[in-house]
Amino acid sequence: DSRQRLFPDGLAEVIRVRDRYCRTPYCDAPIAHTDHVTPHAKGGPTSFENGQGLCAACNYAKEAPGWRSATVDDESGRHTVETRTPTGHVHRSTAPNQAA
C-alpha cells in the first residue's frame, strides 16, 4: 500500500540492494534508513521510485528546513535523486550500476 508510512521489509531490502550505500552524493556511509525522497507528509508515496537508502545522519539532516529532494529522469535510466541544500547547492545522486 503506497499510502503507508513505513517501507515494508521486502521493499526496503530491494531499495538497499539498488542503492548499496547512502545516496547523499558526498556520503558513502552504510544505509541505516530507507526513507521517502518526496516526504510522506507532503504526499510522497511509499514506493520503489520514491524510496532511497540513507545513513542516519543524512536522513536527519534532510529533514531540516531548506532541504528539498525529488526524483528526476536522466540519461542513465537509473534511479536519480536531485537534492537542493539550504544554501542553494544542487546535487544529483544516481543509483550505481547493478552487476549482471
Protein backbone atom coordinates (compact mmCIF):
# COMPACT_ATOMS: atom_id res chain seq x y z
CA ASP A 1 0.00 0.00 0.00
CA SER A 2 1.69 3.20 -1.18
CA ARG A 3 -0.11 5.25 1.49
CA GLN A 4 1.55 3.53 4.44
CA ARG A 5 4.25 5.47 6.27
CA LEU A 6 6.92 2.78 6.66
CA PHE A 7 8.52 0.80 3.86
CA PRO A 8 7.64 -2.91 4.13
CA ASP A 9 10.70 -5.09 4.83
CA GLY A 10 10.82 -6.56 1.30
CA LEU A 11 10.61 -3.17 -0.42
CA ALA A 12 13.19 -1.67 1.95
CA GLU A 13 15.57 -4.54 1.14
CA VAL A 14 15.17 -4.05 -2.63
CA ILE A 15 15.94 -0.31 -2.20
CA ARG A 16 19.03 -1.14 -0.10
CA VAL A 17 20.24 -3.54 -2.81
CA ARG A 18 19.66 -0.90 -5.51
CA ASP A 19 21.36 1.93 -3.61
CA ARG A 20 24.16 -0.06 -1.85
CA TYR A 21 25.27 2.93 0.30
CA CYS A 22 23.94 6.31 1.45
CA ARG A 23 22.51 8.16 -1.55
CA THR A 24 23.62 11.60 -0.37
CA PRO A 25 26.15 12.49 -3.11
CA TYR A 26 29.09 13.21 -0.80
CA CYS A 27 28.45 10.34 1.63
CA ASP A 28 29.35 6.67 1.22
CA ALA A 29 28.19 5.53 4.66
CA PRO A 30 26.23 2.30 5.09
CA ILE A 31 22.47 2.59 4.70
CA ALA A 32 20.72 2.84 8.06
CA HIS A 33 17.31 4.19 6.97
CA THR A 34 15.03 3.69 3.99
CA ASP A 35 13.10 6.92 3.53
CA HIS A 36 10.96 8.87 1.10
CA VAL A 37 12.53 11.19 -1.49
CA THR A 38 9.35 13.29 -1.52
CA PRO A 39 8.30 13.22 2.14
CA HIS A 40 5.32 11.10 3.11
CA ALA A 41 3.87 14.13 4.93
CA LYS A 42 3.88 16.02 1.61
CA GLY A 43 2.12 13.26 -0.28
CA GLY A 44 5.13 11.18 -1.30
CA PRO A 45 4.17 7.54 -1.85
CA THR A 46 5.86 4.62 -0.15
CA SER A 47 7.23 3.16 -3.38
CA PHE A 48 10.39 1.88 -5.03
CA GLU A 49 10.66 5.07 -7.12
CA ASN A 50 10.17 7.38 -4.12
CA GLY A 51 12.44 5.44 -1.76
CA GLN A 52 16.12 5.94 -1.05
CA GLY A 53 18.67 4.45 1.29
CA LEU A 54 20.39 6.94 3.58
CA CYS A 55 22.72 6.87 6.57
CA ALA A 56 21.14 8.13 9.79
CA ALA A 57 22.98 11.47 9.76
CA CYS A 58 21.96 12.33 6.18
CA ASN A 59 18.37 11.24 6.79
CA TYR A 60 18.09 13.53 9.82
CA ALA A 61 19.84 16.41 8.01
CA LYS A 62 17.41 16.32 5.07
CA GLU A 63 14.53 16.94 7.49
CA ALA A 64 15.96 20.37 8.43
CA PRO A 65 14.39 23.48 6.90
CA GLY A 66 15.58 24.34 3.40
CA TRP A 67 16.35 20.82 2.15
CA ARG A 68 14.41 19.62 -0.93
CA SER A 69 14.69 16.35 -2.84
CA ALA A 70 12.96 14.98 -5.91
CA THR A 71 13.44 12.07 -8.27
CA VAL A 72 14.46 13.14 -11.77
CA ASP A 73 14.75 11.43 -15.13
CA ASP A 74 18.20 11.42 -16.65
CA GLU A 75 20.02 9.70 -19.49
CA SER A 76 21.31 6.91 -17.23
CA GLY A 77 17.90 5.27 -16.90
CA ARG A 78 18.75 4.55 -13.24
CA HIS A 79 17.08 5.95 -10.13
CA THR A 80 18.29 9.54 -9.75
CA VAL A 81 17.59 11.96 -6.92
CA GLU A 82 18.24 15.70 -7.08
CA THR A 83 18.80 17.37 -3.70
CA ARG A 84 18.83 21.12 -3.07
CA THR A 85 20.53 22.22 0.15
CA PRO A 86 19.58 25.25 2.27
CA THR A 87 22.50 27.13 0.67
CA GLY A 88 21.05 26.57 -2.81
CA HIS A 89 23.56 23.94 -3.93
CA VAL A 90 22.10 21.21 -6.12
CA HIS A 91 23.47 17.66 -6.06
CA ARG A 92 22.41 14.61 -8.06
CA SER A 93 22.77 11.04 -6.90
CA THR A 94 22.29 8.18 -9.33
CA ALA A 95 21.95 4.59 -8.15
CA PRO A 96 25.03 2.51 -9.02
CA ASN A 97 25.04 0.15 -11.98
CA GLN A 98 23.75 -3.26 -11.00
CA ALA A 99 26.13 -6.14 -11.58
CA ALA A 100 24.89 -8.66 -14.12
